[in-house]
Amino acid sequence: MNSRQRLNWLNSARRDIQASLRSLRIQQKMSQAELAKKMSVPVDQSTISNWESGKTIMDLEQLLDILMIFGKDWKSFFGFLADNAEKRTIKKPQQKEPPMEPKADDKGED
């Protein structure tokens, strides 16, 4: 994967995380301010808003903290990202190899 492809993947993964954060928060009927207060290192409501909108990026510890707040296993969350990345990857169709023809001296006789 070249640097441009990695950058595209990173941007797409970032958008997936932003959308997932917002979705988790809304599913739990929690406001941005409530989530901000529950963080192990409290942040401002505007910080949550900036994360969800993509204006700023949370660090890994903050992401893991949010996942724990919502009772999500970080392994399954990152698996979700990997699944989404796999869907975005354009796969080349596999070419079938032509069937092997028997050799002239291999007629099945012993």
N, C-alpha and C. Protein backbone atom coordinates (compact mmCIF):
# COMPACT_ATOMS: atom_id res chain seq x y z
N MET A 1 0.86 -1.16 0.00
CA MET A 1 0.00 0.00 0.00
C MET A 1 0.91 1.23 0.00
N ASN A 2 0.69 2.12 -0.95
CA ASN A 2 1.53 3.31 -1.00
C ASN A 2 1.02 4.37 -0.03
N SER A 3 1.77 5.46 0.09
CA SER A 3 1.44 6.49 1.10
C SER A 3 0.09 7.15 0.83
N ARG A 4 -0.26 7.34 -0.42
CA ARG A 4 -1.57 7.94 -0.74
C ARG A 4 -2.71 7.02 -0.33
N GLN A 5 -2.57 5.74 -0.59
CA GLN A 5 -3.58 4.77 -0.20
C GLN A 5 -3.72 4.70 1.32
N ARG A 6 -2.58 4.75 2.03
CA ARG A 6 -2.63 4.74 3.50
C ARG A 6 -3.33 5.98 4.03
N LEU A 7 -3.04 7.14 3.44
CA LEU A 7 -3.69 8.38 3.86
C LEU A 7 -5.19 8.30 3.63
N ASN A 8 -5.60 7.79 2.49
CA ASN A 8 -7.03 7.62 2.21
C ASN A 8 -7.67 6.68 3.21
N TRP A 9 -6.99 5.57 3.53
CA TRP A 9 -7.52 4.62 4.50
C TRP A 9 -7.64 5.27 5.87
N LEU A 10 -6.60 6.02 6.28
CA LEU A 10 -6.63 6.68 7.58
C LEU A 10 -7.78 7.69 7.67
N ASN A 11 -7.98 8.46 6.63
CA ASN A 11 -9.09 9.43 6.63
C ASN A 11 -10.43 8.72 6.71
N SER A 12 -10.56 7.63 6.00
CA SER A 12 -11.81 6.87 6.03
C SER A 12 -12.03 6.24 7.41
N ALA A 13 -10.97 5.70 8.01
CA ALA A 13 -11.08 5.11 9.35
C ALA A 13 -11.45 6.19 10.36
N ARG A 14 -10.89 7.37 10.21
CA ARG A 14 -11.19 8.48 11.12
C ARG A 14 -12.69 8.83 11.03
N ARG A 15 -13.21 8.87 9.81
CA ARG A 15 -14.65 9.16 9.63
C ARG A 15 -15.51 8.06 10.25
N ASP A 16 -15.07 6.81 10.13
CA ASP A 16 -15.80 5.70 10.74
C ASP A 16 -15.82 5.84 12.25
N ILE A 17 -14.69 6.22 12.83
CA ILE A 17 -14.62 6.40 14.29
C ILE A 17 -15.53 7.54 14.72
N GLN A 18 -15.50 8.65 13.99
CA GLN A 18 -16.36 9.80 14.32
C GLN A 18 -17.83 9.40 14.29
N ALA A 19 -18.22 8.71 13.24
CA ALA A 19 -19.62 8.30 13.10
C ALA A 19 -20.00 7.30 14.20
N SER A 20 -19.07 6.40 14.53
CA SER A 20 -19.35 5.41 15.57
C SER A 20 -19.49 6.06 16.94
N LEU A 21 -18.64 7.02 17.22
CA LEU A 21 -18.72 7.74 18.49
C LEU A 21 -20.09 8.40 18.65
N ARG A 22 -20.49 9.11 17.64
CA ARG A 22 -21.79 9.80 17.69
C ARG A 22 -22.92 8.79 17.83
N SER A 23 -22.85 7.73 17.05
CA SER A 23 -23.88 6.69 17.09
C SER A 23 -23.98 6.05 18.47
N LEU A 24 -22.84 5.69 19.06
CA LEU A 24 -22.84 5.10 20.40
C LEU A 24 -23.45 6.05 21.42
N ARG A 25 -23.07 7.31 21.33
CA ARG A 25 -23.56 8.30 22.28
C ARG A 25 -25.07 8.47 22.16
N ILE A 26 -25.56 8.54 20.94
CA ILE A 26 -27.00 8.71 20.72
C ILE A 26 -27.77 7.46 21.16
N GLN A 27 -27.23 6.28 20.88
CA GLN A 27 -27.88 5.03 21.31
C GLN A 27 -28.04 4.99 22.82
N GLN A 28 -27.06 5.53 23.52
CA GLN A 28 -27.11 5.55 24.99
C GLN A 28 -27.89 6.75 25.52
N LYS A 29 -28.47 7.54 24.61
CA LYS A 29 -29.25 8.74 24.98
C LYS A 29 -28.43 9.65 25.89
N MET A 30 -27.19 9.88 25.47
CA MET A 30 -26.27 10.69 26.26
C MET A 30 -25.91 11.94 25.46
N SER A 31 -25.91 13.06 26.14
CA SER A 31 -25.51 14.31 25.48
C SER A 31 -23.99 14.37 25.40
N GLN A 32 -23.50 15.26 24.57
CA GLN A 32 -22.06 15.46 24.48
C GLN A 32 -21.51 15.91 25.83
N ALA A 33 -22.24 16.77 26.53
CA ALA A 33 -21.80 17.27 27.83
C ALA A 33 -21.72 16.14 28.85
N GLU A 34 -22.71 15.22 28.83
CA GLU A 34 -22.69 14.09 29.76
C GLU A 34 -21.50 13.18 29.50
N LEU A 35 -21.24 12.90 28.22
CA LEU A 35 -20.09 12.07 27.88
C LEU A 35 -18.80 12.76 28.32
N ALA A 36 -18.70 14.05 28.08
CA ALA A 36 -17.50 14.81 28.45
C ALA A 36 -17.22 14.68 29.95
N LYS A 37 -18.26 14.73 30.78
CA LYS A 37 -18.09 14.65 32.23
C LYS A 37 -17.70 13.25 32.69
N LYS A 38 -18.11 12.21 31.94
CA LYS A 38 -17.82 10.84 32.34
C LYS A 38 -16.41 10.40 32.01
N MET A 39 -15.73 11.14 31.18
CA MET A 39 -14.37 10.77 30.78
C MET A 39 -13.47 10.70 32.01
N SER A 40 -12.52 9.77 32.01
CA SER A 40 -11.62 9.65 33.15
C SER A 40 -10.81 10.92 33.35
N VAL A 41 -10.46 11.58 32.28
CA VAL A 41 -9.90 12.93 32.33
C VAL A 41 -10.94 13.80 31.63
N PRO A 42 -11.80 14.46 32.44
CA PRO A 42 -12.93 15.20 31.85
C PRO A 42 -12.48 16.20 30.79
N VAL A 43 -13.30 16.30 29.76
CA VAL A 43 -13.07 17.26 28.69
C VAL A 43 -14.30 18.15 28.59
N ASP A 44 -14.22 19.16 27.77
CA ASP A 44 -15.33 20.07 27.56
C ASP A 44 -16.29 19.48 26.52
N GLN A 45 -17.55 19.85 26.59
CA GLN A 45 -18.54 19.40 25.61
C GLN A 45 -18.10 19.71 24.19
N SER A 46 -17.47 20.86 24.01
CA SER A 46 -17.03 21.25 22.66
C SER A 46 -15.96 20.29 22.12
N THR A 47 -15.20 19.67 23.02
CA THR A 47 -14.20 18.68 22.60
C THR A 47 -14.89 17.48 21.98
N ILE A 48 -15.95 17.01 22.61
CA ILE A 48 -16.73 15.88 22.06
C ILE A 48 -17.30 16.28 20.69
N SER A 49 -17.84 17.47 20.62
CA SER A 49 -18.39 17.97 19.36
C SER A 49 -17.32 18.01 18.27
N ASN A 50 -16.14 18.49 18.63
CA ASN A 50 -15.04 18.56 17.66
C ASN A 50 -14.59 17.18 17.21
N TRP A 51 -14.60 16.20 18.12
CA TRP A 51 -14.26 14.83 17.73
C TRP A 51 -15.28 14.28 16.75
N GLU A 52 -16.55 14.48 17.07
CA GLU A 52 -17.62 13.94 16.23
C GLU A 52 -17.65 14.59 14.85
N SER A 53 -17.28 15.85 14.78
CA SER A 53 -17.32 16.57 13.49
C SER A 53 -16.01 16.43 12.71
N GLY A 54 -14.99 15.90 13.36
CA GLY A 54 -13.71 15.72 12.68
C GLY A 54 -12.80 16.94 12.74
N LYS A 55 -13.18 17.94 13.52
CA LYS A 55 -12.32 19.13 13.64
C LYS A 55 -11.04 18.82 14.39
N THR A 56 -11.14 17.93 15.38
CA THR A 56 -9.95 17.49 16.11
C THR A 56 -9.99 15.98 16.23
N ILE A 57 -8.87 15.42 16.61
CA ILE A 57 -8.73 13.96 16.71
C ILE A 57 -8.44 13.60 18.17
N MET A 58 -9.18 12.64 18.69
CA MET A 58 -8.92 12.18 20.05
C MET A 58 -7.69 11.28 20.04
N ASP A 59 -7.04 11.18 21.17
CA ASP A 59 -5.91 10.27 21.25
C ASP A 59 -6.42 8.86 21.59
N LEU A 60 -5.54 7.91 21.54
CA LEU A 60 -5.93 6.51 21.75
C LEU A 60 -6.50 6.29 23.14
N GLU A 61 -5.91 6.90 24.15
CA GLU A 61 -6.43 6.72 25.51
C GLU A 61 -7.85 7.25 25.64
N GLN A 62 -8.14 8.36 25.00
CA GLN A 62 -9.49 8.93 25.04
C GLN A 62 -10.48 8.00 24.33
N LEU A 63 -10.06 7.45 23.19
CA LEU A 63 -10.93 6.52 22.48
C LEU A 63 -11.22 5.29 23.33
N LEU A 64 -10.19 4.73 23.94
CA LEU A 64 -10.38 3.56 24.79
C LEU A 64 -11.27 3.87 25.98
N ASP A 65 -11.12 5.06 26.56
CA ASP A 65 -11.96 5.49 27.67
C ASP A 65 -13.43 5.55 27.23
N ILE A 66 -13.67 6.11 26.07
CA ILE A 66 -15.05 6.21 25.56
C ILE A 66 -15.63 4.81 25.35
N LEU A 67 -14.84 3.91 24.79
CA LEU A 67 -15.32 2.55 24.57
C LEU A 67 -15.69 1.89 25.90
N MET A 68 -14.89 2.12 26.95
CA MET A 68 -15.21 1.56 28.26
C MET A 68 -16.48 2.19 28.83
N ILE A 69 -16.65 3.48 28.64
CA ILE A 69 -17.87 4.16 29.10
C ILE A 69 -19.10 3.51 28.50
N PHE A 70 -19.00 3.16 27.23
CA PHE A 70 -20.14 2.57 26.53
C PHE A 70 -20.18 1.05 26.64
N GLY A 71 -19.25 0.48 27.42
CA GLY A 71 -19.26 -0.96 27.63
C GLY A 71 -18.87 -1.75 26.40
N LYS A 72 -18.06 -1.17 25.56
CA LYS A 72 -17.63 -1.84 24.33
C LYS A 72 -16.22 -2.39 24.50
N ASP A 73 -16.01 -3.55 23.94
CA ASP A 73 -14.70 -4.17 23.94
C ASP A 73 -13.86 -3.54 22.83
N TRP A 74 -12.69 -3.05 23.17
CA TRP A 74 -11.88 -2.37 22.17
C TRP A 74 -11.48 -3.30 21.03
N LYS A 75 -11.32 -4.58 21.31
CA LYS A 75 -10.95 -5.52 20.25
C LYS A 75 -12.06 -5.64 19.21
N SER A 76 -13.30 -5.69 19.67
CA SER A 76 -14.40 -5.78 18.71
C SER A 76 -14.57 -4.47 17.96
N PHE A 77 -14.29 -3.34 18.62
CA PHE A 77 -14.40 -2.05 17.95
C PHE A 77 -13.38 -1.95 16.83
N PHE A 78 -12.14 -2.31 17.12
CA PHE A 78 -11.13 -2.23 16.08
C PHE A 78 -11.36 -3.29 15.01
N GLY A 79 -11.98 -4.39 15.37
CA GLY A 79 -12.38 -5.37 14.38
C GLY A 79 -13.41 -4.78 13.42
N PHE A 80 -14.31 -3.98 13.96
CA PHE A 80 -15.31 -3.29 13.16
C PHE A 80 -14.62 -2.38 12.14
N LEU A 81 -13.59 -1.68 12.58
CA LEU A 81 -12.87 -0.80 11.66
C LEU A 81 -12.18 -1.62 10.58
N ALA A 82 -11.60 -2.75 10.97
CA ALA A 82 -10.93 -3.60 10.00
C ALA A 82 -11.94 -4.14 8.99
N ASP A 83 -13.12 -4.51 9.46
CA ASP A 83 -14.16 -4.99 8.54
C ASP A 83 -14.54 -3.91 7.55
N ASN A 84 -14.70 -2.67 8.02
CA ASN A 84 -15.04 -1.57 7.13
C ASN A 84 -13.93 -1.30 6.14
N ALA A 85 -12.69 -1.39 6.59
CA ALA A 85 -11.56 -1.16 5.69
C ALA A 85 -11.53 -2.22 4.61
N GLU A 86 -11.84 -3.45 4.98
CA GLU A 86 -11.85 -4.54 4.02
C GLU A 86 -12.92 -4.30 2.96
N LYS A 87 -14.06 -3.77 3.37
CA LYS A 87 -15.13 -3.49 2.41
C LYS A 87 -14.72 -2.39 1.44
N ARG A 88 -13.90 -1.44 1.92
CA ARG A 88 -13.47 -0.33 1.06
C ARG A 88 -12.38 -0.74 0.09
N THR A 89 -11.66 -1.81 0.40
CA THR A 89 -10.56 -2.24 -0.43
C THR A 89 -11.11 -2.87 -1.70
N ILE A 90 -10.62 -2.39 -2.79
CA ILE A 90 -11.06 -2.95 -4.07
C ILE A 90 -10.20 -4.17 -4.34
N LYS A 91 -10.88 -5.28 -4.45
CA LYS A 91 -10.17 -6.53 -4.67
C LYS A 91 -10.20 -6.86 -6.16
N LYS A 92 -9.06 -7.30 -6.64
CA LYS A 92 -8.98 -7.73 -8.03
C LYS A 92 -9.60 -9.12 -8.12
N PRO A 93 -10.38 -9.35 -9.17
CA PRO A 93 -10.93 -10.70 -9.31
C PRO A 93 -9.80 -11.70 -9.54
N GLN A 94 -9.93 -12.83 -8.89
CA GLN A 94 -8.91 -13.85 -9.05
C GLN A 94 -9.08 -14.53 -10.39
N GLN A 95 -7.95 -14.69 -11.06
CA GLN A 95 -7.99 -15.38 -12.35
C GLN A 95 -7.89 -16.87 -12.09
N LYS A 96 -8.74 -17.59 -12.77
CA LYS A 96 -8.70 -19.04 -12.63
C LYS A 96 -7.61 -19.59 -13.53
N GLU A 97 -6.89 -20.54 -12.98
CA GLU A 97 -5.86 -21.19 -13.78
C GLU A 97 -6.54 -22.21 -14.68
N PRO A 98 -6.04 -22.31 -15.90
CA PRO A 98 -6.65 -23.31 -16.79
C PRO A 98 -6.41 -24.71 -16.24
N PRO A 99 -7.35 -25.63 -16.48
CA PRO A 99 -7.16 -26.99 -15.97
C PRO A 99 -5.92 -27.61 -16.58
N MET A 100 -5.25 -28.39 -15.77
CA MET A 100 -4.04 -29.05 -16.26
C MET A 100 -4.43 -30.21 -17.15
N GLU A 101 -3.77 -30.27 -18.27
CA GLU A 101 -4.03 -31.38 -19.19
C GLU A 101 -3.06 -32.51 -18.86
N PRO A 102 -3.52 -33.75 -18.98
CA PRO A 102 -2.61 -34.87 -18.69
C PRO A 102 -1.46 -34.89 -19.68
N LYS A 103 -0.29 -35.28 -19.21
CA LYS A 103 0.87 -35.40 -20.08
C LYS A 103 0.68 -36.59 -21.00
N ALA A 104 1.33 -36.53 -22.12
CA ALA A 104 1.19 -37.60 -23.11
C ALA A 104 1.61 -38.94 -22.57
N ASP A 105 2.64 -38.96 -21.70
CA ASP A 105 3.11 -40.25 -21.18
C ASP A 105 2.37 -40.67 -19.92
N ASP A 106 1.39 -39.85 -19.46
CA ASP A 106 0.64 -40.17 -18.25
C ASP A 106 -0.78 -40.55 -18.63
N LYS A 107 -0.98 -41.79 -19.08
CA LYS A 107 -2.28 -42.26 -19.53
C LYS A 107 -2.97 -43.09 -18.51
N GLY A 108 -2.44 -43.13 -17.30
CA GLY A 108 -3.07 -43.89 -16.24
C GLY A 108 -2.75 -45.36 -16.30
N GLU A 109 -1.79 -45.76 -17.15
CA GLU A 109 -1.42 -47.16 -17.23
C GLU A 109 -0.26 -47.44 -16.32
N ASP A 110 -0.23 -48.56 -15.69
CA ASP A 110 0.88 -48.95 -14.82
C ASP A 110 1.70 -50.00 -15.43
